[in-house]
Amino acid sequence: MLSTPTLIGLIIAVIGVVAWIGGSLRVANLELNLKTFKGRITFIFAVLHVLGGLIIILIDLLP
């Protein structure tokens, strides 16, 4: 069974991946165009969620 911090990190990372996919497919008026403000915010949101989730998972799995 996974511990609570690992599950939280996994959920945060999945949110980032969903935002990335949504921005790539332009779902719900999101876009990953770095030339627009909305595109930069979407990109930063997705990257920070993926990296933050992975860091939480790594911190929890380290002895």
C-alpha atoms as a PDB file:
ATOM      1  CA  MET A   1       0.000   0.000   0.000  1.00  0.00           C
ATOM      2  CA  LEU A   2       1.228   3.460  -0.853  1.00  0.00           C
ATOM      3  CA  SER A   3       1.683   5.970   1.929  1.00  0.00           C
ATOM      4  CA  THR A   4      -0.306   9.191   2.135  1.00  0.00           C
ATOM      5  CA  PRO A   5       2.462  11.550   0.877  1.00  0.00           C
ATOM      6  CA  THR A   6       3.057   9.275  -2.114  1.00  0.00           C
ATOM      7  CA  LEU A   7      -0.639   9.337  -2.991  1.00  0.00           C
ATOM      8  CA  ILE A   8      -0.762  13.115  -2.609  1.00  0.00           C
ATOM      9  CA  GLY A   9       2.293  13.483  -4.862  1.00  0.00           C
ATOM     10  CA  LEU A  10       0.762  11.133  -7.396  1.00  0.00           C
ATOM     11  CA  ILE A  11      -2.497  13.090  -7.451  1.00  0.00           C
ATOM     12  CA  ILE A  12      -0.637  16.391  -7.881  1.00  0.00           C
ATOM     13  CA  ALA A  13       1.444  14.940 -10.721  1.00  0.00           C
ATOM     14  CA  VAL A  14      -1.670  13.574 -12.428  1.00  0.00           C
ATOM     15  CA  ILE A  15      -3.306  17.014 -12.218  1.00  0.00           C
ATOM     16  CA  GLY A  16      -0.247  18.456 -13.970  1.00  0.00           C
ATOM     17  CA  VAL A  17      -0.356  15.803 -16.693  1.00  0.00           C
ATOM     18  CA  VAL A  18      -4.074  16.400 -17.256  1.00  0.00           C
ATOM     19  CA  ALA A  19      -3.427  20.159 -17.537  1.00  0.00           C
ATOM     20  CA  TRP A  20      -0.585  19.485 -19.994  1.00  0.00           C
ATOM     21  CA  ILE A  21      -2.773  17.218 -22.148  1.00  0.00           C
ATOM     22  CA  GLY A  22      -5.657  19.674 -21.952  1.00  0.00           C
ATOM     23  CA  GLY A  23      -3.370  22.489 -23.058  1.00  0.00           C
ATOM     24  CA  SER A  24      -1.932  20.422 -25.885  1.00  0.00           C
ATOM     25  CA  LEU A  25      -5.372  19.473 -27.199  1.00  0.00           C
ATOM     26  CA  ARG A  26      -6.833  22.934 -26.473  1.00  0.00           C
ATOM     27  CA  VAL A  27      -9.527  21.479 -24.240  1.00  0.00           C
ATOM     28  CA  ALA A  28     -11.560  23.894 -22.078  1.00  0.00           C
ATOM     29  CA  ASN A  29      -9.979  26.922 -23.761  1.00  0.00           C
ATOM     30  CA  LEU A  30      -6.476  26.049 -22.520  1.00  0.00           C
ATOM     31  CA  GLU A  31      -3.415  26.296 -24.727  1.00  0.00           C
ATOM     32  CA  LEU A  32       0.327  25.723 -24.398  1.00  0.00           C
ATOM     33  CA  ASN A  33       1.306  28.669 -26.586  1.00  0.00           C
ATOM     34  CA  LEU A  34       4.197  30.422 -24.856  1.00  0.00           C
ATOM     35  CA  LYS A  35       3.502  33.600 -26.827  1.00  0.00           C
ATOM     36  CA  THR A  36       0.296  34.291 -24.895  1.00  0.00           C
ATOM     37  CA  PHE A  37      -0.149  34.987 -21.197  1.00  0.00           C
ATOM     38  CA  LYS A  38      -2.759  32.237 -20.787  1.00  0.00           C
ATOM     39  CA  GLY A  39      -0.457  29.755 -22.525  1.00  0.00           C
ATOM     40  CA  ARG A  40       2.467  30.598 -20.239  1.00  0.00           C
ATOM     41  CA  ILE A  41       0.266  30.239 -17.143  1.00  0.00           C
ATOM     42  CA  THR A  42      -0.992  26.838 -18.354  1.00  0.00           C
ATOM     43  CA  PHE A  43       2.570  25.696 -19.041  1.00  0.00           C
ATOM     44  CA  ILE A  44       3.865  26.861 -15.652  1.00  0.00           C
ATOM     45  CA  PHE A  45       0.876  25.283 -13.861  1.00  0.00           C
ATOM     46  CA  ALA A  46       1.418  21.926 -15.555  1.00  0.00           C
ATOM     47  CA  VAL A  47       5.194  21.838 -15.080  1.00  0.00           C
ATOM     48  CA  LEU A  48       5.073  22.904 -11.435  1.00  0.00           C
ATOM     49  CA  HIS A  49       2.411  20.318 -10.621  1.00  0.00           C
ATOM     50  CA  VAL A  50       4.329  17.498 -12.308  1.00  0.00           C
ATOM     51  CA  LEU A  51       7.654  18.460 -10.725  1.00  0.00           C
ATOM     52  CA  GLY A  52       6.096  19.128  -7.319  1.00  0.00           C
ATOM     53  CA  GLY A  53       4.288  15.793  -7.336  1.00  0.00           C
ATOM     54  CA  LEU A  54       7.444  13.914  -8.326  1.00  0.00           C
ATOM     55  CA  ILE A  55       9.493  15.676  -5.644  1.00  0.00           C
ATOM     56  CA  ILE A  56       6.912  14.759  -2.984  1.00  0.00           C
ATOM     57  CA  ILE A  57       7.022  11.125  -4.145  1.00  0.00           C
ATOM     58  CA  LEU A  58      10.838  11.068  -4.112  1.00  0.00           C
ATOM     59  CA  ILE A  59      11.049  12.632  -0.639  1.00  0.00           C
ATOM     60  CA  ASP A  60       8.597  10.066   0.689  1.00  0.00           C
ATOM     61  CA  LEU A  61      10.390   7.102  -0.899  1.00  0.00           C
ATOM     62  CA  LEU A  62      13.868   8.076   0.310  1.00  0.00           C
ATOM     63  CA  PRO A  63      14.931   6.211   3.467  1.00  0.00           C
END
